[in-house]
Amino acid sequence: MAVVRFLQVSDLHLGRPFGWLPPDRRADRRGDQRRALDLAVRQAIERGAAAVLVPGDLFDLDYVDAETLAFAVHAFAVNGCPPVFIAPGNHDPCSPASPNWNRALLKARGFAWPDHVHVFDAPEWTAVPLSGVDGVTVWGRCSIQGVASAARPLAPEALAPVAAAAAGGLHVALFHGSREGFLPPGEDPVAPFSDAEALASPFDYLAVGHVHRPGRLEDPAGGVRLANAGAAIALDVSESGNHGALEVRLTTDGLPASRPRAELEFVELDRRRVYDLTVDVTGATAPEQVDRRILRAIDQAGAGDPDILAVRLTGRLLRGVRYAAPGPELRPRAFHVRIDARAVRPDYDLAALRAADAVTTEDRFARALLERVDAETDPARRADLESALFYGLDAFRLHEVVPAYEELGS
């Protein structure tokens, strides 16, 4: 055995509603998901992969609609598709009530996973010999509905039954879990593990899912020991950059048989890309000028019509200028434009208002609101107070109150 190839893809979240998109765009994005899985299978065939590894969250829920389930089942049924190994994750956990994985319920809906698809349906590590390739074993575990997600899958006690069985040959593992130190802020850990645990495990390579950004753990002896492919497509506007799968090549050439070397190649699956743009709107005298500045930033970033744009506006708009949404010139330039105007403030000199003597009614109003803003520690409540301040100043100076500052608290 010289080289064994795998195609690793995870976190497709088939069936996701994409509620952050306009209604007329949601079906298109679900189509992008299906296209990504079709492309992953085709790439596995063309690259001669010995297996497809799916370490979790193939589906967005443990019960998806019949159309989504039918697509997934048939996506792996194409001619030439290599063996497929699926380790259900925290979004699509195994349970007796899940028709995604329960064979009887799946059959009742008129479906069945192809014979070459193996679903790991136990939270303990189990092994399956890789058909067609001598000496290769694929290990996996699943998330279980209702079972605490704090269990450590790579702890010594969890791997004790594996260590004796993993002597000799090539051993590949797939699971859904959180690498400590790499979880995005605010997310709860799922099946956490440390780098030390991964390096001490008996597996030659570990394919992990859950975190939607790609990552890898280098082996001190050379090559990659563990990798996360990230989400197959961007699932919201925070997931910028390229998205796809990994071709994993394991080779023993020039190395001791006990530790094959793993090399990775990125395989792009998402035809759209999320661009995170920051645009200064200071001095813009009309909404059209704001749009033109955004268009200039789009051109500089190289974004195109198929892409998703997360635009963060900064600076100070001239008093009386309102910007609520992209205009007709900007909207056709991307698949979707999300505007974040929370950092934009009207051009009121708050420092001068703080320093001024509280003589007029306007001065006393501004002083009272500013004191409450400065004392408030809750971000949402502070945003509400800032919104009230700006509406009040508009009333005093512009003699009108037009909805404009609700986004401050979003």
Protein backbone atom coordinates (compact mmCIF):
# COMPACT_ATOMS: atom_id res chain seq x y z
CA MET A 1 0.00 0.00 0.00
CA ALA A 2 1.54 3.30 -1.11
CA VAL A 3 -1.26 5.90 -1.21
CA VAL A 4 -4.90 5.80 -0.11
CA ARG A 5 -7.18 8.73 -1.00
CA PHE A 6 -10.29 9.92 0.82
CA LEU A 7 -12.76 12.71 0.09
CA GLN A 8 -13.75 14.43 3.35
CA VAL A 9 -16.87 16.63 3.41
CA SER A 10 -19.02 17.71 6.34
CA ASP A 11 -21.51 20.22 7.71
CA LEU A 12 -23.68 20.45 4.62
CA HIS A 13 -26.76 21.00 6.83
CA LEU A 14 -29.16 19.83 4.12
CA GLY A 15 -32.65 21.11 4.86
CA ARG A 16 -31.53 24.41 6.42
CA PRO A 17 -34.26 27.05 5.95
CA PHE A 18 -31.85 29.98 5.28
CA GLY A 19 -34.18 32.40 7.01
CA TRP A 20 -31.58 35.17 6.81
CA LEU A 21 -32.04 35.32 3.04
CA PRO A 22 -34.99 36.95 1.25
CA PRO A 23 -37.73 34.40 0.47
CA ASP A 24 -36.96 34.44 -3.26
CA ARG A 25 -33.31 33.46 -2.61
CA ARG A 26 -33.75 30.59 -0.14
CA ALA A 27 -34.53 27.87 -2.68
CA ASP A 28 -31.47 28.91 -4.71
CA ARG A 29 -29.23 28.50 -1.69
CA ARG A 30 -30.72 25.09 -0.92
CA GLY A 31 -29.93 24.24 -4.52
CA ASP A 32 -26.33 25.28 -3.86
CA GLN A 33 -26.21 22.74 -1.02
CA ARG A 34 -27.39 19.95 -3.28
CA ARG A 35 -24.96 20.97 -5.99
CA ALA A 36 -22.11 20.87 -3.45
CA LEU A 37 -22.90 17.29 -2.42
CA ASP A 38 -23.25 16.18 -6.04
CA LEU A 39 -19.91 17.78 -6.81
CA ALA A 40 -18.25 16.16 -3.77
CA VAL A 41 -19.34 12.70 -4.93
CA ARG A 42 -18.21 13.42 -8.48
CA GLN A 43 -14.83 14.64 -7.23
CA ALA A 44 -14.44 11.49 -5.12
CA ILE A 45 -15.01 9.36 -8.21
CA GLU A 46 -12.72 11.40 -10.47
CA ARG A 47 -9.91 11.52 -7.90
CA GLY A 48 -10.05 7.80 -7.25
CA ALA A 49 -10.99 8.16 -3.57
CA ALA A 50 -11.23 4.91 -1.65
CA ALA A 51 -14.04 6.35 0.48
CA VAL A 52 -16.07 9.45 1.26
CA LEU A 53 -15.87 10.57 4.90
CA VAL A 54 -18.80 12.60 6.31
CA PRO A 55 -18.00 13.57 9.93
CA GLY A 56 -21.36 15.01 10.91
CA ASP A 57 -24.23 17.37 10.15
CA LEU A 58 -25.11 16.03 6.73
CA PHE A 59 -28.60 17.25 7.66
CA ASP A 60 -29.64 20.38 9.53
CA LEU A 61 -32.12 18.45 11.72
CA ASP A 62 -32.73 14.86 12.80
CA TYR A 63 -35.97 14.96 10.78
CA VAL A 64 -35.90 16.57 7.33
CA ASP A 65 -38.52 16.81 4.60
CA ALA A 66 -38.93 13.94 2.13
CA GLU A 67 -37.43 15.88 -0.77
CA THR A 68 -34.22 16.59 1.15
CA LEU A 69 -33.95 13.01 2.40
CA ALA A 70 -34.56 11.61 -1.09
CA PHE A 71 -31.85 13.79 -2.55
CA ALA A 72 -29.25 12.75 0.04
CA VAL A 73 -29.99 9.04 -0.36
CA HIS A 74 -29.74 9.21 -4.14
CA ALA A 75 -26.69 11.51 -4.16
CA PHE A 76 -24.57 8.58 -2.96
CA ALA A 77 -26.27 6.06 -5.27
CA VAL A 78 -24.54 7.23 -8.47
CA ASN A 79 -22.43 4.74 -10.39
CA GLY A 80 -18.85 4.62 -9.22
CA CYS A 81 -19.44 6.20 -5.84
CA PRO A 82 -16.92 4.71 -3.39
CA PRO A 83 -17.89 3.52 0.10
CA VAL A 84 -19.40 6.32 2.21
CA PHE A 85 -18.97 6.60 5.98
CA ILE A 86 -21.27 8.94 7.92
CA ALA A 87 -20.86 9.92 11.59
CA PRO A 88 -24.04 11.86 12.51
CA GLY A 89 -23.41 15.13 14.36
CA ASN A 90 -25.18 17.30 16.89
CA HIS A 91 -27.64 18.71 14.31
CA ASP A 92 -28.60 15.30 12.91
CA PRO A 93 -28.00 12.93 15.84
CA CYS A 94 -28.94 9.28 15.85
CA SER A 95 -32.15 8.36 17.62
CA PRO A 96 -34.77 5.60 17.24
CA ALA A 97 -37.21 8.30 16.11
CA SER A 98 -35.03 9.78 13.36
CA PRO A 99 -36.04 8.69 9.86
CA ASN A 100 -32.68 9.93 8.63
CA TRP A 101 -30.95 6.93 10.20
CA ASN A 102 -33.56 4.45 11.48
CA ARG A 103 -33.79 1.85 8.72
CA ALA A 104 -37.41 0.92 9.43
CA LEU A 105 -38.58 4.55 9.44
CA LEU A 106 -36.49 5.26 6.37
CA LYS A 107 -38.10 2.32 4.58
CA ALA A 108 -41.55 3.53 5.64
CA ARG A 109 -40.87 6.73 3.75
CA GLY A 110 -39.81 4.71 0.71
CA PHE A 111 -36.03 5.14 1.03
CA ALA A 112 -32.95 3.15 1.94
CA TRP A 113 -29.30 4.10 2.12
CA PRO A 114 -27.26 2.33 -0.59
CA ASP A 115 -25.38 -0.77 0.55
CA HIS A 116 -22.03 1.02 0.28
CA VAL A 117 -23.13 3.72 2.79
CA HIS A 118 -22.28 2.95 6.41
CA VAL A 119 -23.80 5.07 9.18
CA PHE A 120 -22.08 4.93 12.57
CA ASP A 121 -25.06 4.71 14.93
CA ALA A 122 -23.35 4.25 18.31
CA PRO A 123 -21.66 6.85 20.54
CA GLU A 124 -18.81 4.40 21.16
CA TRP A 125 -16.06 3.86 18.61
CA THR A 126 -16.80 1.06 16.16
CA ALA A 127 -14.73 -0.21 13.25
CA VAL A 128 -15.50 -1.12 9.64
CA PRO A 129 -12.92 -2.61 7.24
CA LEU A 130 -12.65 -0.55 4.07
CA SER A 131 -13.82 -2.74 1.21
CA GLY A 132 -11.50 -2.96 -1.76
CA VAL A 133 -8.41 -1.82 0.13
CA ASP A 134 -6.50 -4.31 2.28
CA GLY A 135 -5.37 -3.25 5.71
CA VAL A 136 -7.49 -0.10 6.04
CA THR A 137 -10.03 0.29 8.85
CA VAL A 138 -12.46 3.18 9.27
CA TRP A 139 -13.54 4.02 12.82
CA GLY A 140 -16.46 6.23 13.75
CA ARG A 141 -18.85 7.36 16.45
CA CYS A 142 -22.03 9.42 16.35
CA SER A 143 -23.81 12.05 18.35
CA ILE A 144 -26.85 10.68 20.18
CA GLN A 145 -30.00 12.72 20.78
CA GLY A 146 -30.39 13.54 24.45
CA VAL A 147 -26.89 12.38 25.42
CA ALA A 148 -24.65 15.00 27.03
CA SER A 149 -22.33 16.59 24.46
CA ALA A 150 -19.54 17.03 27.02
CA ALA A 151 -18.28 13.45 26.56
CA ARG A 152 -14.68 13.48 25.37
CA PRO A 153 -14.35 11.13 22.39
CA LEU A 154 -10.55 11.04 22.45
CA ALA A 155 -10.06 10.64 26.19
CA PRO A 156 -7.96 7.58 27.14
CA GLU A 157 -10.95 5.79 28.67
CA ALA A 158 -13.01 6.30 25.47
CA LEU A 159 -10.16 4.92 23.34
CA ALA A 160 -9.20 2.00 25.57
CA PRO A 161 -11.16 -0.56 23.49
CA VAL A 162 -9.67 0.91 20.30
CA ALA A 163 -6.00 0.78 21.24
CA ALA A 164 -5.69 -3.01 21.19
CA ALA A 165 -7.69 -3.39 17.98
CA ALA A 166 -5.82 -0.67 16.11
CA ALA A 167 -2.49 -2.48 15.90
CA GLY A 168 -1.21 -2.84 12.35
CA GLY A 169 -2.68 -1.50 9.14
CA LEU A 170 -4.05 1.96 8.48
CA HIS A 171 -6.68 3.39 10.85
CA VAL A 172 -8.83 6.39 9.93
CA ALA A 173 -11.36 7.97 12.33
CA LEU A 174 -14.28 10.29 11.73
CA PHE A 175 -16.41 12.06 14.32
CA HIS A 176 -18.16 15.32 15.15
CA GLY A 177 -16.47 17.39 17.85
CA SER A 178 -14.92 20.63 19.08
CA ARG A 179 -11.18 21.14 19.06
CA GLU A 180 -10.35 23.07 22.21
CA GLY A 181 -9.07 26.56 21.51
CA PHE A 182 -10.66 26.72 18.05
CA LEU A 183 -14.37 27.02 18.83
CA PRO A 184 -15.93 30.33 17.67
CA PRO A 185 -16.91 32.71 20.51
CA GLY A 186 -20.31 32.05 22.01
CA GLU A 187 -20.64 28.46 20.76
CA ASP A 188 -21.05 25.60 23.19
CA PRO A 189 -18.54 22.74 22.87
CA VAL A 190 -19.69 19.47 21.34
CA ALA A 191 -17.66 16.33 22.10
CA PRO A 192 -14.58 18.39 23.01
CA PHE A 193 -11.02 17.16 22.54
CA SER A 194 -7.52 18.55 22.90
CA ASP A 195 -4.59 18.49 20.50
CA ALA A 196 -2.71 16.28 22.95
CA GLU A 197 -5.57 13.76 22.95
CA ALA A 198 -5.67 13.70 19.14
CA LEU A 199 -1.91 13.17 18.85
CA ALA A 200 -1.96 10.42 21.49
CA SER A 201 -4.84 8.56 19.82
CA PRO A 202 -4.20 5.27 17.98
CA PHE A 203 -5.62 6.67 14.72
CA ASP A 204 -3.38 7.52 11.79
CA TYR A 205 -5.73 10.26 10.61
CA LEU A 206 -8.79 11.90 12.17
CA ALA A 207 -11.54 13.59 10.12
CA VAL A 208 -13.58 15.91 12.32
CA GLY A 209 -16.67 18.02 11.69
CA HIS A 210 -18.65 20.71 13.56
CA VAL A 211 -16.65 23.95 13.21
CA HIS A 212 -17.55 25.64 9.93
CA ARG A 213 -14.09 27.01 9.24
CA PRO A 214 -11.31 24.68 8.06
CA GLY A 215 -8.47 23.73 10.38
CA ARG A 216 -5.74 21.16 10.73
CA LEU A 217 -3.43 19.68 13.34
CA GLU A 218 0.10 18.91 12.16
CA ASP A 219 1.81 15.73 13.29
CA PRO A 220 5.26 16.39 14.83
CA ALA A 221 6.49 13.39 12.84
CA GLY A 222 5.30 14.98 9.58
CA GLY A 223 2.05 15.43 7.70
CA VAL A 224 -1.39 16.21 9.09
CA ARG A 225 -2.87 14.17 11.92
CA LEU A 226 -6.33 15.74 12.14
CA ALA A 227 -8.32 18.06 9.88
CA ASN A 228 -11.66 19.81 9.69
CA ALA A 229 -12.88 20.66 6.19
CA GLY A 230 -15.29 23.32 7.46
CA ALA A 231 -18.81 23.80 6.12
CA ALA A 232 -19.24 22.59 2.55
CA ILE A 233 -20.95 25.89 1.69
CA ALA A 234 -21.26 29.17 3.59
CA LEU A 235 -24.35 28.87 5.79
CA ASP A 236 -24.65 32.51 6.86
CA VAL A 237 -23.05 35.89 6.23
CA SER A 238 -20.43 35.37 8.94
CA GLU A 239 -18.78 32.46 7.06
CA SER A 240 -16.52 34.33 4.66
CA GLY A 241 -13.87 32.80 2.43
CA ASN A 242 -13.84 29.62 0.35
CA HIS A 243 -15.84 26.53 1.32
CA GLY A 244 -15.60 22.95 0.20
CA ALA A 245 -14.11 19.55 0.94
CA LEU A 246 -10.68 17.97 1.40
CA GLU A 247 -8.88 15.32 -0.56
CA VAL A 248 -6.89 13.38 2.03
CA ARG A 249 -3.90 11.38 0.80
CA LEU A 250 -2.36 8.88 3.22
CA THR A 251 0.98 7.39 2.26
CA THR A 252 3.59 5.19 3.96
CA ASP A 253 6.35 5.93 1.46
CA GLY A 254 9.62 6.61 3.21
CA LEU A 255 8.06 6.46 6.66
CA PRO A 256 7.72 3.80 9.35
CA ALA A 257 4.64 1.69 8.73
CA SER A 258 3.31 2.71 12.16
CA ARG A 259 2.73 6.33 11.13
CA PRO A 260 1.61 7.11 7.56
CA ARG A 261 1.84 10.69 6.35
CA ALA A 262 -1.37 12.58 5.53
CA GLU A 263 -1.47 15.36 2.96
CA LEU A 264 -4.49 17.55 2.17
CA GLU A 265 -5.81 19.32 -0.90
CA PHE A 266 -8.72 21.75 -0.77
CA VAL A 267 -11.64 21.00 -3.13
CA GLU A 268 -13.90 24.01 -3.69
CA LEU A 269 -17.64 23.20 -3.62
CA ASP A 270 -19.41 26.53 -3.05
CA ARG A 271 -19.86 28.58 -6.22
CA ARG A 272 -20.66 31.61 -4.09
CA ARG A 273 -18.30 33.37 -1.71
CA VAL A 274 -19.09 35.54 1.29
CA TYR A 275 -17.21 38.84 1.28
CA ASP A 276 -16.87 40.84 4.49
CA LEU A 277 -16.58 44.52 3.49
CA THR A 278 -16.20 47.66 5.63
CA VAL A 279 -17.30 50.93 4.03
CA ASP A 280 -16.86 54.42 5.52
CA VAL A 281 -19.91 56.57 4.72
CA THR A 282 -18.73 59.76 6.44
CA GLY A 283 -19.92 62.83 4.53
CA ALA A 284 -22.29 60.98 2.20
CA THR A 285 -25.02 63.46 1.26
CA ALA A 286 -27.61 60.94 -0.05
CA PRO A 287 -28.38 57.19 0.04
CA GLU A 288 -27.16 56.93 -3.56
CA GLN A 289 -23.72 58.09 -2.46
CA VAL A 290 -23.65 55.35 0.17
CA ASP A 291 -24.50 52.80 -2.53
CA ARG A 292 -21.73 54.12 -4.78
CA ARG A 293 -19.17 53.75 -2.01
CA ILE A 294 -20.32 50.18 -1.44
CA LEU A 295 -20.07 49.48 -5.19
CA ARG A 296 -16.50 50.79 -5.18
CA ALA A 297 -15.63 48.44 -2.30
CA ILE A 298 -17.20 45.51 -4.19
CA ASP A 299 -15.06 46.22 -7.25
CA GLN A 300 -11.90 46.53 -5.14
CA ALA A 301 -12.60 43.18 -3.43
CA GLY A 302 -13.25 41.43 -6.74
CA ALA A 303 -16.71 40.23 -5.70
CA GLY A 304 -19.15 39.21 -8.42
CA ASP A 305 -22.82 38.69 -9.14
CA PRO A 306 -23.04 35.18 -7.57
CA ASP A 307 -21.54 36.27 -4.26
CA ILE A 308 -22.91 37.16 -0.83
CA LEU A 309 -21.86 40.49 0.65
CA ALA A 310 -21.74 41.35 4.34
CA VAL A 311 -21.27 45.13 4.33
CA ARG A 312 -20.43 46.92 7.56
CA LEU A 313 -20.99 50.68 7.38
CA THR A 314 -18.90 52.99 9.55
CA GLY A 315 -18.58 56.72 10.01
CA ARG A 316 -21.02 59.59 10.41
CA LEU A 317 -23.89 60.40 8.07
CA LEU A 318 -24.80 64.03 7.58
CA ARG A 319 -27.78 65.06 9.63
CA GLY A 320 -30.99 64.31 7.76
CA VAL A 321 -29.48 61.62 5.50
CA ARG A 322 -31.24 58.26 5.88
CA TYR A 323 -29.94 54.93 4.63
CA ALA A 324 -32.25 51.97 5.12
CA ALA A 325 -31.45 49.41 2.38
CA PRO A 326 -29.49 48.86 -0.85
CA GLY A 327 -30.84 50.82 -3.81
CA PRO A 328 -31.66 49.63 -7.35
CA GLU A 329 -28.07 50.10 -8.56
CA LEU A 330 -26.58 47.97 -5.78
CA ARG A 331 -29.11 45.14 -5.42
CA PRO A 332 -28.34 43.39 -8.77
CA ARG A 333 -24.60 43.35 -8.08
CA ALA A 334 -24.71 40.30 -5.78
CA PHE A 335 -26.76 37.26 -4.88
CA HIS A 336 -27.47 38.92 -1.53
CA VAL A 337 -26.32 42.09 0.23
CA ARG A 338 -26.58 42.31 4.02
CA ILE A 339 -26.07 45.83 5.37
CA ASP A 340 -24.91 46.30 8.96
CA ALA A 341 -25.35 49.97 9.88
CA ARG A 342 -24.94 49.58 13.63
CA ALA A 343 -21.65 51.50 13.66
CA VAL A 344 -23.06 54.48 11.74
CA ARG A 345 -24.08 57.51 13.75
CA PRO A 346 -25.62 60.82 12.69
CA ASP A 347 -23.24 63.77 12.66
CA TYR A 348 -24.03 65.11 16.11
CA ASP A 349 -21.12 66.41 18.20
CA LEU A 350 -21.70 64.38 21.36
CA ALA A 351 -18.49 65.62 22.98
CA ALA A 352 -19.71 69.21 22.67
CA LEU A 353 -23.10 68.24 24.07
CA ARG A 354 -21.41 66.64 27.06
CA ALA A 355 -19.35 69.77 27.71
CA ALA A 356 -22.11 72.33 27.12
CA ASP A 357 -23.96 74.08 29.93
CA ALA A 358 -27.44 72.58 30.34
CA VAL A 359 -29.29 75.81 29.55
CA THR A 360 -31.81 74.95 26.84
CA THR A 361 -34.37 72.16 26.85
CA GLU A 362 -32.31 70.44 24.13
CA ASP A 363 -29.15 70.69 26.28
CA ARG A 364 -30.89 69.23 29.31
CA PHE A 365 -32.40 66.41 27.24
CA ALA A 366 -29.04 65.53 25.66
CA ARG A 367 -27.19 65.70 29.01
CA ALA A 368 -29.71 63.41 30.70
CA LEU A 369 -29.60 60.81 27.90
CA LEU A 370 -25.80 60.93 27.62
CA GLU A 371 -25.41 60.34 31.36
CA ARG A 372 -27.65 57.28 31.09
CA VAL A 373 -25.78 56.04 28.00
CA ASP A 374 -22.42 56.38 29.75
CA ALA A 375 -23.67 54.55 32.85
CA GLU A 376 -25.38 51.68 30.99
CA THR A 377 -23.43 48.39 30.87
CA ASP A 378 -25.94 46.27 28.96
CA PRO A 379 -25.16 46.64 25.20
CA ALA A 380 -28.77 46.24 24.06
CA ARG A 381 -30.09 48.75 26.58
CA ARG A 382 -27.25 51.15 25.72
CA ALA A 383 -28.19 50.92 22.03
CA ASP A 384 -31.82 51.72 22.88
CA LEU A 385 -30.72 54.80 24.81
CA GLU A 386 -28.50 55.95 21.93
CA SER A 387 -31.42 55.49 19.54
CA ALA A 388 -33.65 57.61 21.80
CA LEU A 389 -30.94 60.30 21.98
CA PHE A 390 -30.63 60.58 18.20
CA TYR A 391 -34.39 60.62 17.65
CA GLY A 392 -34.69 63.40 20.22
CA LEU A 393 -31.93 65.45 18.59
CA ASP A 394 -33.58 64.97 15.21
CA ALA A 395 -36.82 66.32 16.68
CA PHE A 396 -35.06 69.36 18.14
CA ARG A 397 -32.86 70.21 15.15
CA LEU A 398 -34.57 68.76 12.07
CA HIS A 399 -38.15 69.09 13.36
CA GLU A 400 -38.94 65.57 12.21
CA VAL A 401 -38.66 62.01 13.48
CA VAL A 402 -38.18 59.39 10.78
CA PRO A 403 -37.43 55.70 11.59
CA ALA A 404 -33.68 55.34 11.15
CA TYR A 405 -31.93 54.09 14.28
CA GLU A 406 -33.57 50.75 15.09
CA GLU A 407 -30.54 48.97 13.62
CA LEU A 408 -28.43 50.31 16.49
CA GLY A 409 -29.91 47.66 18.75
CA SER A 410 -29.90 44.77 16.24
